[in-house]
Amino acid sequence: KRRQTALFSATMPKSVQSLATGLLRDSLRVEAAPTATTVEKVHQNVLFVPKDRKRALLGELMNDKAIERVLIFTRTKHGADRVAQHLNQRGIRSDTIHGNKAQNARERALLAFRSGNIRALVATDIAARGIDVDGVSHVINFDLPADPESYVHRIGRTARAGASGIALSFCDHGERAYLCNIEKTIRQSVPVIEDDPYHAADIANDIGQS
């Protein structure tokens, strides 16, 4: 009957805070860092690109060998499948993790990603919460998340264990408001790559020099 319950989270959205408060008695909140602090060693950039050009741009960017192990985030499960299919058609070994996949299929995909058998893992936010893989060189936000704190979770998958990492976000016209909310949450502006988004080779070169 006498016990202490402790809940831990990288972020604490209002919905989770309300749930915890309703379950706990005399709860106390302890913050080890300011809310939604992004990893200091993650180099962040955003690219403005039309929605119908995102897959083509991603495929061209993947020609850059510096993108060794990449986590790609989409907003929907079907979107993740389409992105992975596009990459595989281009000869880039990829798999997905999302809510429509059985647990054993998710585990196989994660094992293949961790071992280097696949270069890209495409995931949705719900399925990606438990992903902890060393050596993720890049995180690409194919779709910007509607919840800005999900952005913090996403880019935190790279630059782990003292390493540096790169987070690149694609932003179409309909996602501009999401970007504004993200910048308010992380309390900084995400630098924009100004190049023509169709010149993917130039973009990859700019990222490498940053």
C-alpha atoms as a PDB file:
ATOM      1  CA  LYS A   1       0.000   0.000   0.000  1.00  0.00           C
ATOM      2  CA  ARG A   2       2.928   2.348   0.659  1.00  0.00           C
ATOM      3  CA  ARG A   3       4.835   2.950  -2.545  1.00  0.00           C
ATOM      4  CA  GLN A   4       6.195   5.705  -4.745  1.00  0.00           C
ATOM      5  CA  THR A   5       5.425   5.943  -8.451  1.00  0.00           C
ATOM      6  CA  ALA A   6       7.794   7.867 -10.737  1.00  0.00           C
ATOM      7  CA  LEU A   7       7.061   8.714 -14.379  1.00  0.00           C
ATOM      8  CA  PHE A   8       9.840   9.793 -16.768  1.00  0.00           C
ATOM      9  CA  SER A   9       9.546  11.490 -20.147  1.00  0.00           C
ATOM     10  CA  ALA A  10      11.780  13.546 -22.441  1.00  0.00           C
ATOM     11  CA  THR A  11       8.851  15.936 -22.864  1.00  0.00           C
ATOM     12  CA  MET A  12       5.614  16.459 -20.979  1.00  0.00           C
ATOM     13  CA  PRO A  13       2.694  17.529 -23.187  1.00  0.00           C
ATOM     14  CA  LYS A  14      -0.379  18.888 -21.427  1.00  0.00           C
ATOM     15  CA  SER A  15      -2.365  15.739 -22.220  1.00  0.00           C
ATOM     16  CA  VAL A  16       0.225  13.528 -20.500  1.00  0.00           C
ATOM     17  CA  GLN A  17       0.485  15.948 -17.569  1.00  0.00           C
ATOM     18  CA  SER A  18      -3.290  15.787 -17.079  1.00  0.00           C
ATOM     19  CA  LEU A  19      -3.258  11.984 -17.234  1.00  0.00           C
ATOM     20  CA  ALA A  20      -0.462  11.757 -14.663  1.00  0.00           C
ATOM     21  CA  THR A  21      -2.142  14.228 -12.322  1.00  0.00           C
ATOM     22  CA  GLY A  22      -5.358  12.222 -12.445  1.00  0.00           C
ATOM     23  CA  LEU A  23      -3.595   8.964 -11.568  1.00  0.00           C
ATOM     24  CA  LEU A  24      -1.167  10.160  -8.896  1.00  0.00           C
ATOM     25  CA  ARG A  25      -1.704  11.428  -5.355  1.00  0.00           C
ATOM     26  CA  ASP A  26       0.225  14.500  -4.163  1.00  0.00           C
ATOM     27  CA  SER A  27       2.229  14.490  -7.389  1.00  0.00           C
ATOM     28  CA  LEU A  28       5.400  16.533  -7.750  1.00  0.00           C
ATOM     29  CA  ARG A  29       6.896  17.557 -11.086  1.00  0.00           C
ATOM     30  CA  VAL A  30      10.682  17.737 -11.382  1.00  0.00           C
ATOM     31  CA  GLU A  31      12.343  19.136 -14.517  1.00  0.00           C
ATOM     32  CA  ALA A  32      15.972  18.234 -15.156  1.00  0.00           C
ATOM     33  CA  ALA A  33      16.218  20.655 -18.092  1.00  0.00           C
ATOM     34  CA  PRO A  34      14.120  23.417 -19.650  1.00  0.00           C
ATOM     35  CA  THR A  35      11.121  22.126 -21.586  1.00  0.00           C
ATOM     36  CA  ALA A  36      11.888  21.012 -25.132  1.00  0.00           C
ATOM     37  CA  THR A  37      15.610  21.792 -25.062  1.00  0.00           C
ATOM     38  CA  THR A  38      17.087  20.434 -28.290  1.00  0.00           C
ATOM     39  CA  VAL A  39      20.302  18.491 -28.417  1.00  0.00           C
ATOM     40  CA  GLU A  40      23.174  20.974 -28.681  1.00  0.00           C
ATOM     41  CA  LYS A  41      25.189  18.863 -31.110  1.00  0.00           C
ATOM     42  CA  VAL A  42      22.347  18.508 -33.640  1.00  0.00           C
ATOM     43  CA  HIS A  43      22.839  20.768 -36.653  1.00  0.00           C
ATOM     44  CA  GLN A  44      19.326  21.765 -37.761  1.00  0.00           C
ATOM     45  CA  ASN A  45      18.190  23.011 -41.176  1.00  0.00           C
ATOM     46  CA  VAL A  46      14.879  23.413 -42.975  1.00  0.00           C
ATOM     47  CA  LEU A  47      14.155  23.234 -46.702  1.00  0.00           C
ATOM     48  CA  PHE A  48      11.059  24.765 -48.238  1.00  0.00           C
ATOM     49  CA  VAL A  49       9.830  22.338 -50.884  1.00  0.00           C
ATOM     50  CA  PRO A  50       6.435  21.678 -52.541  1.00  0.00           C
ATOM     51  CA  LYS A  51       4.631  18.641 -51.165  1.00  0.00           C
ATOM     52  CA  ASP A  52       4.678  16.823 -54.492  1.00  0.00           C
ATOM     53  CA  ARG A  53       8.473  17.201 -54.781  1.00  0.00           C
ATOM     54  CA  LYS A  54       9.450  15.822 -51.383  1.00  0.00           C
ATOM     55  CA  ARG A  55      10.040  12.220 -52.459  1.00  0.00           C
ATOM     56  CA  ALA A  56      12.132  13.250 -55.449  1.00  0.00           C
ATOM     57  CA  LEU A  57      14.245  15.538 -53.274  1.00  0.00           C
ATOM     58  CA  LEU A  58      14.719  12.833 -50.661  1.00  0.00           C
ATOM     59  CA  GLY A  59      15.862  10.360 -53.290  1.00  0.00           C
ATOM     60  CA  GLU A  60      18.440  12.815 -54.624  1.00  0.00           C
ATOM     61  CA  LEU A  61      19.697  13.678 -51.150  1.00  0.00           C
ATOM     62  CA  MET A  62      20.261   9.998 -50.420  1.00  0.00           C
ATOM     63  CA  ASN A  63      22.931   9.976 -53.133  1.00  0.00           C
ATOM     64  CA  ASP A  64      25.113  11.696 -50.539  1.00  0.00           C
ATOM     65  CA  LYS A  65      27.200   8.933 -48.940  1.00  0.00           C
ATOM     66  CA  ALA A  66      27.624  11.064 -45.821  1.00  0.00           C
ATOM     67  CA  ILE A  67      24.040  10.110 -44.968  1.00  0.00           C
ATOM     68  CA  GLU A  68      25.155   6.792 -43.535  1.00  0.00           C
ATOM     69  CA  ARG A  69      22.263   5.846 -41.265  1.00  0.00           C
ATOM     70  CA  VAL A  70      19.111   7.938 -41.433  1.00  0.00           C
ATOM     71  CA  LEU A  71      15.796   8.029 -39.605  1.00  0.00           C
ATOM     72  CA  ILE A  72      13.025   9.508 -41.747  1.00  0.00           C
ATOM     73  CA  PHE A  73       9.814  10.684 -40.074  1.00  0.00           C
ATOM     74  CA  THR A  74       6.429  10.904 -41.748  1.00  0.00           C
ATOM     75  CA  ARG A  75       3.072  11.994 -40.375  1.00  0.00           C
ATOM     76  CA  THR A  76       1.117   8.918 -41.504  1.00  0.00           C
ATOM     77  CA  LYS A  77       1.590   5.171 -41.787  1.00  0.00           C
ATOM     78  CA  HIS A  78       0.730   5.111 -45.478  1.00  0.00           C
ATOM     79  CA  GLY A  79       3.134   7.977 -46.045  1.00  0.00           C
ATOM     80  CA  ALA A  80       5.914   5.958 -44.411  1.00  0.00           C
ATOM     81  CA  ASP A  81       5.192   2.999 -46.698  1.00  0.00           C
ATOM     82  CA  ARG A  82       5.272   5.202 -49.797  1.00  0.00           C
ATOM     83  CA  VAL A  83       8.575   6.801 -48.816  1.00  0.00           C
ATOM     84  CA  ALA A  84      10.214   3.429 -48.096  1.00  0.00           C
ATOM     85  CA  GLN A  85       8.918   2.015 -51.371  1.00  0.00           C
ATOM     86  CA  HIS A  86      10.344   4.997 -53.272  1.00  0.00           C
ATOM     87  CA  LEU A  87      13.747   4.569 -51.636  1.00  0.00           C
ATOM     88  CA  ASN A  88      13.862   0.830 -52.261  1.00  0.00           C
ATOM     89  CA  GLN A  89      13.012   1.423 -55.913  1.00  0.00           C
ATOM     90  CA  ARG A  90      16.077   3.674 -56.080  1.00  0.00           C
ATOM     91  CA  GLY A  91      18.249   0.919 -54.615  1.00  0.00           C
ATOM     92  CA  ILE A  92      18.377   2.398 -51.110  1.00  0.00           C
ATOM     93  CA  ARG A  93      17.696  -0.372 -48.604  1.00  0.00           C
ATOM     94  CA  SER A  94      14.866   0.811 -46.350  1.00  0.00           C
ATOM     95  CA  ASP A  95      12.136  -0.419 -44.037  1.00  0.00           C
ATOM     96  CA  THR A  96       9.349   1.045 -41.926  1.00  0.00           C
ATOM     97  CA  ILE A  97       8.140   1.122 -38.337  1.00  0.00           C
ATOM     98  CA  HIS A  98       4.547   2.168 -37.730  1.00  0.00           C
ATOM     99  CA  GLY A  99       1.323   1.133 -36.025  1.00  0.00           C
ATOM    100  CA  ASN A 100       0.127  -1.171 -38.804  1.00  0.00           C
ATOM    101  CA  LYS A 101       3.138  -3.458 -38.458  1.00  0.00           C
ATOM    102  CA  ALA A 102       3.194  -6.364 -36.021  1.00  0.00           C
ATOM    103  CA  GLN A 103       5.613  -6.148 -33.115  1.00  0.00           C
ATOM    104  CA  ASN A 104       7.904  -8.850 -34.521  1.00  0.00           C
ATOM    105  CA  ALA A 105       8.026  -7.022 -37.885  1.00  0.00           C
ATOM    106  CA  ARG A 106       8.981  -3.801 -36.084  1.00  0.00           C
ATOM    107  CA  GLU A 107      11.709  -5.613 -34.192  1.00  0.00           C
ATOM    108  CA  ARG A 108      13.114  -7.100 -37.414  1.00  0.00           C
ATOM    109  CA  ALA A 109      13.182  -3.676 -39.053  1.00  0.00           C
ATOM    110  CA  LEU A 110      14.897  -2.123 -36.044  1.00  0.00           C
ATOM    111  CA  LEU A 111      17.455  -4.939 -35.889  1.00  0.00           C
ATOM    112  CA  ALA A 112      18.230  -4.526 -39.592  1.00  0.00           C
ATOM    113  CA  PHE A 113      18.674  -0.783 -39.074  1.00  0.00           C
ATOM    114  CA  ARG A 114      20.856  -1.233 -36.016  1.00  0.00           C
ATOM    115  CA  SER A 115      23.075  -3.808 -37.747  1.00  0.00           C
ATOM    116  CA  GLY A 116      23.454  -1.707 -40.894  1.00  0.00           C
ATOM    117  CA  ASN A 117      21.586  -4.088 -43.196  1.00  0.00           C
ATOM    118  CA  ILE A 118      19.312  -1.196 -44.147  1.00  0.00           C
ATOM    119  CA  ARG A 119      20.404   2.410 -44.509  1.00  0.00           C
ATOM    120  CA  ALA A 120      17.098   4.170 -43.902  1.00  0.00           C
ATOM    121  CA  LEU A 121      14.308   3.537 -41.409  1.00  0.00           C
ATOM    122  CA  VAL A 122      11.032   5.358 -42.048  1.00  0.00           C
ATOM    123  CA  ALA A 123       8.876   5.845 -38.962  1.00  0.00           C
ATOM    124  CA  THR A 124       5.821   7.580 -37.561  1.00  0.00           C
ATOM    125  CA  ASP A 125       5.970   9.389 -34.215  1.00  0.00           C
ATOM    126  CA  ILE A 126       3.992   6.810 -32.249  1.00  0.00           C
ATOM    127  CA  ALA A 127       6.237   3.943 -33.317  1.00  0.00           C
ATOM    128  CA  ALA A 128       9.480   5.893 -32.987  1.00  0.00           C
ATOM    129  CA  ARG A 129       9.335   6.697 -29.279  1.00  0.00           C
ATOM    130  CA  GLY A 130      11.385   3.648 -28.300  1.00  0.00           C
ATOM    131  CA  ILE A 131      14.000   3.856 -31.053  1.00  0.00           C
ATOM    132  CA  ASP A 132      17.465   4.068 -29.507  1.00  0.00           C
ATOM    133  CA  VAL A 133      20.146   3.323 -32.100  1.00  0.00           C
ATOM    134  CA  ASP A 134      23.736   4.530 -31.964  1.00  0.00           C
ATOM    135  CA  GLY A 135      25.324   5.955 -35.082  1.00  0.00           C
ATOM    136  CA  VAL A 136      22.272   7.666 -36.602  1.00  0.00           C
ATOM    137  CA  SER A 137      24.015  10.307 -38.715  1.00  0.00           C
ATOM    138  CA  HIS A 138      20.878  12.099 -39.938  1.00  0.00           C
ATOM    139  CA  VAL A 139      17.239  12.628 -39.037  1.00  0.00           C
ATOM    140  CA  ILE A 140      15.032  13.801 -41.897  1.00  0.00           C
ATOM    141  CA  ASN A 141      11.587  15.192 -41.148  1.00  0.00           C
ATOM    142  CA  PHE A 142       9.855  14.300 -44.394  1.00  0.00           C
ATOM    143  CA  ASP A 143       6.710  15.766 -42.815  1.00  0.00           C
ATOM    144  CA  LEU A 144       6.866  18.318 -40.022  1.00  0.00           C
ATOM    145  CA  PRO A 145       4.950  17.185 -36.927  1.00  0.00           C
ATOM    146  CA  ALA A 146       1.818  19.024 -35.820  1.00  0.00           C
ATOM    147  CA  ASP A 147       3.006  18.703 -32.198  1.00  0.00           C
ATOM    148  CA  PRO A 148       6.226  20.727 -31.793  1.00  0.00           C
ATOM    149  CA  GLU A 149       7.451  18.548 -28.935  1.00  0.00           C
ATOM    150  CA  SER A 150       7.492  15.595 -31.325  1.00  0.00           C
ATOM    151  CA  TYR A 151      10.154  17.497 -33.249  1.00  0.00           C
ATOM    152  CA  VAL A 152      12.334  17.442 -30.138  1.00  0.00           C
ATOM    153  CA  HIS A 153      11.846  13.678 -29.819  1.00  0.00           C
ATOM    154  CA  ARG A 154      12.654  13.154 -33.475  1.00  0.00           C
ATOM    155  CA  ILE A 155      15.910  15.079 -33.711  1.00  0.00           C
ATOM    156  CA  GLY A 156      17.029  13.569 -30.421  1.00  0.00           C
ATOM    157  CA  ARG A 157      17.457  10.245 -32.223  1.00  0.00           C
ATOM    158  CA  THR A 158      20.764  11.561 -33.614  1.00  0.00           C
ATOM    159  CA  ALA A 159      23.776  13.130 -31.842  1.00  0.00           C
ATOM    160  CA  ARG A 160      23.672  10.475 -29.116  1.00  0.00           C
ATOM    161  CA  ALA A 161      26.507   9.285 -26.891  1.00  0.00           C
ATOM    162  CA  GLY A 162      28.577  12.407 -27.539  1.00  0.00           C
ATOM    163  CA  ALA A 163      28.366  12.238 -31.330  1.00  0.00           C
ATOM    164  CA  SER A 164      27.189  15.049 -33.582  1.00  0.00           C
ATOM    165  CA  GLY A 165      24.269  14.760 -35.973  1.00  0.00           C
ATOM    166  CA  ILE A 166      22.223  16.522 -38.630  1.00  0.00           C
ATOM    167  CA  ALA A 167      18.460  17.126 -38.645  1.00  0.00           C
ATOM    168  CA  LEU A 168      16.957  18.208 -41.947  1.00  0.00           C
ATOM    169  CA  SER A 169      13.290  19.164 -42.275  1.00  0.00           C
ATOM    170  CA  PHE A 170      11.175  19.421 -45.421  1.00  0.00           C
ATOM    171  CA  CYS A 171       8.504  22.118 -45.124  1.00  0.00           C
ATOM    172  CA  ASP A 172       5.749  22.629 -47.673  1.00  0.00           C
ATOM    173  CA  HIS A 173       3.403  25.611 -47.786  1.00  0.00           C
ATOM    174  CA  GLY A 174       0.818  23.959 -45.545  1.00  0.00           C
ATOM    175  CA  GLU A 175       3.401  23.241 -42.845  1.00  0.00           C
ATOM    176  CA  ARG A 176       4.637  26.811 -42.291  1.00  0.00           C
ATOM    177  CA  ALA A 177       2.518  27.146 -39.122  1.00  0.00           C
ATOM    178  CA  TYR A 178       4.044  23.924 -37.746  1.00  0.00           C
ATOM    179  CA  LEU A 179       7.521  25.370 -38.286  1.00  0.00           C
ATOM    180  CA  CYS A 180       6.595  28.555 -36.437  1.00  0.00           C
ATOM    181  CA  ASN A 181       5.323  26.553 -33.464  1.00  0.00           C
ATOM    182  CA  ILE A 182       8.477  24.425 -33.456  1.00  0.00           C
ATOM    183  CA  GLU A 183      10.700  27.503 -33.371  1.00  0.00           C
ATOM    184  CA  LYS A 184       8.684  28.957 -30.483  1.00  0.00           C
ATOM    185  CA  THR A 185       8.998  25.701 -28.565  1.00  0.00           C
ATOM    186  CA  ILE A 186      12.757  25.263 -29.044  1.00  0.00           C
ATOM    187  CA  ARG A 187      13.284  29.010 -28.596  1.00  0.00           C
ATOM    188  CA  GLN A 188      15.412  29.400 -31.699  1.00  0.00           C
ATOM    189  CA  SER A 189      15.052  29.758 -35.453  1.00  0.00           C
ATOM    190  CA  VAL A 190      15.821  26.766 -37.660  1.00  0.00           C
ATOM    191  CA  PRO A 191      18.234  27.956 -40.392  1.00  0.00           C
ATOM    192  CA  VAL A 192      16.809  27.817 -43.908  1.00  0.00           C
ATOM    193  CA  ILE A 193      18.839  26.351 -46.747  1.00  0.00           C
ATOM    194  CA  GLU A 194      18.290  28.935 -49.433  1.00  0.00           C
ATOM    195  CA  ASP A 195      19.347  26.880 -52.458  1.00  0.00           C
ATOM    196  CA  ASP A 196      16.867  25.853 -55.127  1.00  0.00           C
ATOM    197  CA  PRO A 197      15.407  22.725 -53.457  1.00  0.00           C
ATOM    198  CA  TYR A 198      15.666  20.819 -56.717  1.00  0.00           C
ATOM    199  CA  HIS A 199      19.463  21.156 -56.683  1.00  0.00           C
ATOM    200  CA  ALA A 200      19.871  18.370 -54.172  1.00  0.00           C
ATOM    201  CA  ALA A 201      23.595  17.941 -54.772  1.00  0.00           C
ATOM    202  CA  ASP A 202      24.188  21.575 -53.780  1.00  0.00           C
ATOM    203  CA  ILE A 203      22.054  21.093 -50.677  1.00  0.00           C
ATOM    204  CA  ALA A 204      23.992  18.016 -49.615  1.00  0.00           C
ATOM    205  CA  ASN A 205      27.241  19.934 -50.098  1.00  0.00           C
ATOM    206  CA  ASP A 206      25.973  22.854 -48.018  1.00  0.00           C
ATOM    207  CA  ILE A 207      24.925  20.545 -45.215  1.00  0.00           C
ATOM    208  CA  GLY A 208      28.324  18.857 -45.214  1.00  0.00           C
ATOM    209  CA  GLN A 209      30.096  22.208 -44.908  1.00  0.00           C
ATOM    210  CA  SER A 210      27.884  23.527 -42.122  1.00  0.00           C
END
